[in-house]
N, C-alpha and C. Protein backbone atom coordinates (compact mmCIF):
# COMPACT_ATOMS: atom_id res chain seq x y z
N MET A 1 -29.17 -4.06 -5.54
CA MET A 1 -27.86 -4.24 -5.41
C MET A 1 -27.50 -5.81 -5.45
N ASP A 2 -27.44 -6.41 -6.70
CA ASP A 2 -27.25 -7.83 -6.77
C ASP A 2 -25.92 -8.17 -6.39
N ASN A 3 -24.85 -7.35 -6.49
CA ASN A 3 -23.52 -7.67 -6.27
C ASN A 3 -22.98 -7.42 -4.85
N GLN A 4 -23.88 -7.35 -3.86
CA GLN A 4 -23.46 -7.10 -2.48
C GLN A 4 -22.56 -8.09 -1.92
N SER A 5 -22.64 -9.41 -2.45
CA SER A 5 -21.80 -10.37 -1.97
C SER A 5 -20.27 -10.19 -2.38
N GLN A 6 -20.10 -9.26 -3.16
CA GLN A 6 -18.73 -8.94 -3.55
C GLN A 6 -18.00 -8.10 -2.46
N ILE A 7 -18.65 -7.80 -1.38
CA ILE A 7 -18.02 -7.09 -0.29
C ILE A 7 -17.19 -8.10 0.45
N VAL A 8 -15.95 -7.77 0.72
CA VAL A 8 -15.03 -8.65 1.41
C VAL A 8 -14.54 -8.01 2.69
N MET A 9 -14.74 -8.62 3.84
CA MET A 9 -14.28 -8.19 5.13
C MET A 9 -13.03 -8.99 5.58
N TYR A 10 -11.93 -8.28 5.69
CA TYR A 10 -10.74 -8.90 6.34
C TYR A 10 -10.79 -8.65 7.80
N SER A 11 -10.73 -9.79 8.57
CA SER A 11 -10.99 -9.70 10.03
C SER A 11 -10.30 -10.91 10.77
N THR A 12 -10.58 -10.95 12.04
CA THR A 12 -10.11 -12.09 12.92
C THR A 12 -11.28 -12.38 13.82
N GLN A 13 -11.21 -13.54 14.40
CA GLN A 13 -12.25 -13.95 15.34
C GLN A 13 -12.15 -13.13 16.67
N TRP A 14 -11.00 -12.74 17.02
CA TRP A 14 -10.79 -12.06 18.33
C TRP A 14 -11.07 -10.49 18.33
N CYS A 15 -11.35 -10.00 17.16
CA CYS A 15 -11.46 -8.53 17.01
C CYS A 15 -12.80 -8.01 17.35
N GLY A 16 -12.96 -7.25 18.39
CA GLY A 16 -14.29 -6.68 18.77
C GLY A 16 -14.93 -5.84 17.62
N ASP A 17 -14.10 -4.95 17.03
CA ASP A 17 -14.58 -4.10 15.86
C ASP A 17 -15.08 -4.90 14.81
N CYS A 18 -14.37 -6.02 14.55
CA CYS A 18 -14.87 -6.95 13.41
C CYS A 18 -16.28 -7.54 13.76
N VAL A 19 -16.45 -7.95 14.93
CA VAL A 19 -17.82 -8.50 15.39
C VAL A 19 -18.78 -7.44 15.23
N ARG A 20 -18.54 -6.21 15.63
CA ARG A 20 -19.42 -5.13 15.60
C ARG A 20 -19.83 -4.81 14.12
N SER A 21 -18.78 -4.75 13.22
CA SER A 21 -19.07 -4.50 11.83
C SER A 21 -19.95 -5.60 11.17
N LYS A 22 -19.64 -6.84 11.49
CA LYS A 22 -20.39 -7.96 11.01
C LYS A 22 -21.83 -7.83 11.36
N LYS A 23 -22.03 -7.44 12.67
CA LYS A 23 -23.49 -7.23 13.04
C LYS A 23 -24.22 -6.18 12.30
N VAL A 24 -23.51 -5.05 12.04
CA VAL A 24 -24.09 -3.97 11.22
C VAL A 24 -24.52 -4.61 9.77
N LEU A 25 -23.55 -5.29 9.12
CA LEU A 25 -23.86 -5.83 7.84
C LEU A 25 -25.02 -6.88 7.99
N ASP A 26 -24.94 -7.71 8.89
CA ASP A 26 -26.07 -8.65 9.15
C ASP A 26 -27.46 -7.93 9.31
N LYS A 27 -27.40 -6.96 10.13
CA LYS A 27 -28.65 -6.15 10.37
C LYS A 27 -29.28 -5.56 9.18
N LEU A 28 -28.35 -5.08 8.27
CA LEU A 28 -28.74 -4.42 7.01
C LEU A 28 -29.01 -5.40 5.99
N GLY A 29 -28.79 -6.77 6.26
CA GLY A 29 -29.12 -7.85 5.27
C GLY A 29 -28.11 -7.83 4.12
N ILE A 30 -26.85 -7.54 4.44
CA ILE A 30 -25.87 -7.37 3.35
C ILE A 30 -24.97 -8.66 3.40
N ALA A 31 -24.85 -9.31 2.27
CA ALA A 31 -24.07 -10.46 2.14
C ALA A 31 -22.55 -10.01 1.90
N PHE A 32 -21.71 -10.72 2.54
CA PHE A 32 -20.28 -10.43 2.47
C PHE A 32 -19.40 -11.68 2.61
N THR A 33 -18.17 -11.64 2.12
CA THR A 33 -17.25 -12.66 2.37
C THR A 33 -16.28 -12.23 3.43
N GLU A 34 -16.11 -13.29 4.44
CA GLU A 34 -15.17 -12.89 5.53
C GLU A 34 -13.87 -13.65 5.27
N VAL A 35 -12.76 -12.92 5.43
CA VAL A 35 -11.46 -13.57 5.23
C VAL A 35 -10.71 -13.34 6.63
N ASP A 36 -10.53 -14.40 7.36
CA ASP A 36 -9.84 -14.35 8.61
C ASP A 36 -8.30 -14.32 8.42
N ILE A 37 -7.71 -13.19 8.57
CA ILE A 37 -6.32 -12.93 8.28
C ILE A 37 -5.45 -13.77 9.29
N ASP A 38 -5.95 -14.36 10.30
CA ASP A 38 -5.12 -15.14 11.23
C ASP A 38 -4.80 -16.48 10.53
N TYR A 39 -5.68 -16.97 9.65
CA TYR A 39 -5.62 -18.27 9.07
C TYR A 39 -5.36 -18.27 7.55
N ASP A 40 -5.70 -17.06 6.93
CA ASP A 40 -5.53 -16.98 5.49
C ASP A 40 -4.37 -15.95 5.15
N LYS A 41 -3.26 -16.58 4.84
CA LYS A 41 -2.04 -15.88 4.66
C LYS A 41 -2.11 -14.92 3.42
N GLU A 42 -2.82 -15.34 2.39
CA GLU A 42 -3.09 -14.49 1.20
C GLU A 42 -3.82 -13.30 1.55
N GLY A 43 -4.96 -13.58 2.40
CA GLY A 43 -5.82 -12.50 2.81
C GLY A 43 -5.03 -11.46 3.71
N PHE A 44 -4.15 -11.98 4.57
CA PHE A 44 -3.37 -11.11 5.34
C PHE A 44 -2.53 -10.17 4.45
N GLU A 45 -1.93 -10.75 3.45
CA GLU A 45 -1.10 -10.01 2.44
C GLU A 45 -1.88 -8.94 1.65
N ILE A 46 -3.12 -9.25 1.36
CA ILE A 46 -4.10 -8.34 0.67
C ILE A 46 -4.34 -7.19 1.64
N ALA A 47 -4.72 -7.52 2.84
CA ALA A 47 -5.12 -6.41 3.76
C ALA A 47 -3.80 -5.56 3.96
N LYS A 48 -2.71 -6.16 4.16
CA LYS A 48 -1.43 -5.42 4.32
C LYS A 48 -1.18 -4.45 3.10
N LYS A 49 -1.30 -4.99 1.88
CA LYS A 49 -1.10 -4.11 0.71
C LYS A 49 -2.06 -3.01 0.64
N ILE A 50 -3.31 -3.22 0.88
CA ILE A 50 -4.31 -2.13 0.88
C ILE A 50 -3.86 -0.98 1.83
N GLN A 51 -3.27 -1.37 3.04
CA GLN A 51 -3.03 -0.42 3.97
C GLN A 51 -1.55 -0.04 4.16
N ASN A 52 -0.91 -0.08 3.06
CA ASN A 52 0.51 0.33 3.11
C ASN A 52 1.30 -0.47 4.12
N GLN A 53 1.25 -1.71 4.20
CA GLN A 53 2.01 -2.64 5.03
C GLN A 53 1.64 -2.60 6.49
N ASN A 54 0.56 -1.93 6.90
CA ASN A 54 0.20 -1.78 8.25
C ASN A 54 -1.29 -2.25 8.39
N PRO A 55 -1.57 -3.56 8.37
CA PRO A 55 -2.94 -4.05 8.40
C PRO A 55 -3.69 -3.77 9.64
N ARG A 56 -4.78 -3.22 9.62
CA ARG A 56 -5.67 -3.03 10.71
C ARG A 56 -7.02 -3.65 10.32
N ILE A 57 -7.76 -4.09 11.22
CA ILE A 57 -9.02 -4.78 10.99
C ILE A 57 -10.25 -4.21 11.80
N PRO A 58 -11.38 -4.31 11.33
CA PRO A 58 -11.77 -4.82 10.00
C PRO A 58 -11.32 -3.88 8.83
N THR A 59 -10.95 -4.50 7.78
CA THR A 59 -10.81 -3.83 6.47
C THR A 59 -11.94 -4.34 5.66
N ILE A 60 -12.82 -3.44 5.18
CA ILE A 60 -13.97 -3.84 4.40
C ILE A 60 -13.80 -3.33 3.00
N VAL A 61 -13.75 -4.17 1.99
CA VAL A 61 -13.50 -3.73 0.71
C VAL A 61 -14.92 -3.92 -0.02
N PHE A 62 -15.34 -2.91 -0.82
CA PHE A 62 -16.57 -2.81 -1.50
C PHE A 62 -16.49 -3.13 -2.99
N GLU A 63 -17.58 -3.44 -3.61
CA GLU A 63 -17.52 -3.78 -5.06
C GLU A 63 -17.01 -2.68 -5.88
N ASP A 64 -17.10 -1.50 -5.47
CA ASP A 64 -16.65 -0.33 -6.31
C ASP A 64 -15.24 0.00 -6.10
N GLY A 65 -14.48 -0.96 -5.33
CA GLY A 65 -13.06 -0.81 -5.16
C GLY A 65 -12.59 0.08 -3.98
N THR A 66 -13.60 0.66 -3.29
CA THR A 66 -13.23 1.53 -2.14
C THR A 66 -13.16 0.59 -0.91
N PHE A 67 -12.63 1.14 0.15
CA PHE A 67 -12.64 0.32 1.41
C PHE A 67 -12.69 1.23 2.60
N LEU A 68 -13.16 0.63 3.69
CA LEU A 68 -13.16 1.23 5.02
C LEU A 68 -12.33 0.50 5.97
N VAL A 69 -11.52 1.16 6.82
CA VAL A 69 -10.75 0.56 7.87
C VAL A 69 -11.30 0.93 9.23
N GLU A 70 -11.60 -0.09 10.04
CA GLU A 70 -12.11 0.21 11.38
C GLU A 70 -13.25 1.23 11.38
N PRO A 71 -14.27 1.01 10.47
CA PRO A 71 -15.36 2.03 10.41
C PRO A 71 -16.27 2.05 11.63
N SER A 72 -16.83 3.21 11.98
CA SER A 72 -17.87 3.26 12.91
C SER A 72 -19.16 2.65 12.27
N ASP A 73 -20.14 2.27 13.12
CA ASP A 73 -21.36 1.79 12.62
C ASP A 73 -22.05 2.71 11.63
N VAL A 74 -21.93 4.06 12.02
CA VAL A 74 -22.54 5.06 11.09
C VAL A 74 -21.81 5.13 9.80
N GLU A 75 -20.52 5.17 9.81
CA GLU A 75 -19.65 5.15 8.54
C GLU A 75 -20.06 3.91 7.64
N LEU A 76 -20.15 2.77 8.31
CA LEU A 76 -20.42 1.56 7.51
C LEU A 76 -21.80 1.63 6.97
N THR A 77 -22.76 2.04 7.69
CA THR A 77 -24.19 2.16 7.27
C THR A 77 -24.27 3.13 6.15
N ASN A 78 -23.65 4.28 6.29
CA ASN A 78 -23.65 5.28 5.23
C ASN A 78 -23.03 4.82 3.90
N LYS A 79 -21.96 4.12 4.03
CA LYS A 79 -21.31 3.57 2.76
C LYS A 79 -22.23 2.51 2.13
N ILE A 80 -22.79 1.66 2.90
CA ILE A 80 -23.69 0.63 2.36
C ILE A 80 -24.85 1.39 1.60
N ASN A 81 -25.42 2.33 2.24
CA ASN A 81 -26.58 3.02 1.65
C ASN A 81 -26.20 3.90 0.39
N SER A 82 -24.86 4.17 0.22
CA SER A 82 -24.45 4.96 -0.93
C SER A 82 -24.04 4.01 -2.15
N LEU A 83 -24.05 2.66 -1.96
CA LEU A 83 -23.77 1.82 -3.08
C LEU A 83 -24.81 1.63 -3.97
């Protein structure tokens, strides 16, 4: 999977679920781009658009165009393994 770095996680520094999901991706050796929606207005707008104007975090967008919102560790691991 050469294009793993195309994974984008919309998150914040204060979000416990975001920290947990980052740890899962790091443990799996998955590269991703993190967008902190507290500081990145465009990132906030993208997350908002993905979720019908109600952004929840983390929102993780994969290279195949699919996304997960507030995934459990198992959901996230299964998604990574399916790519």
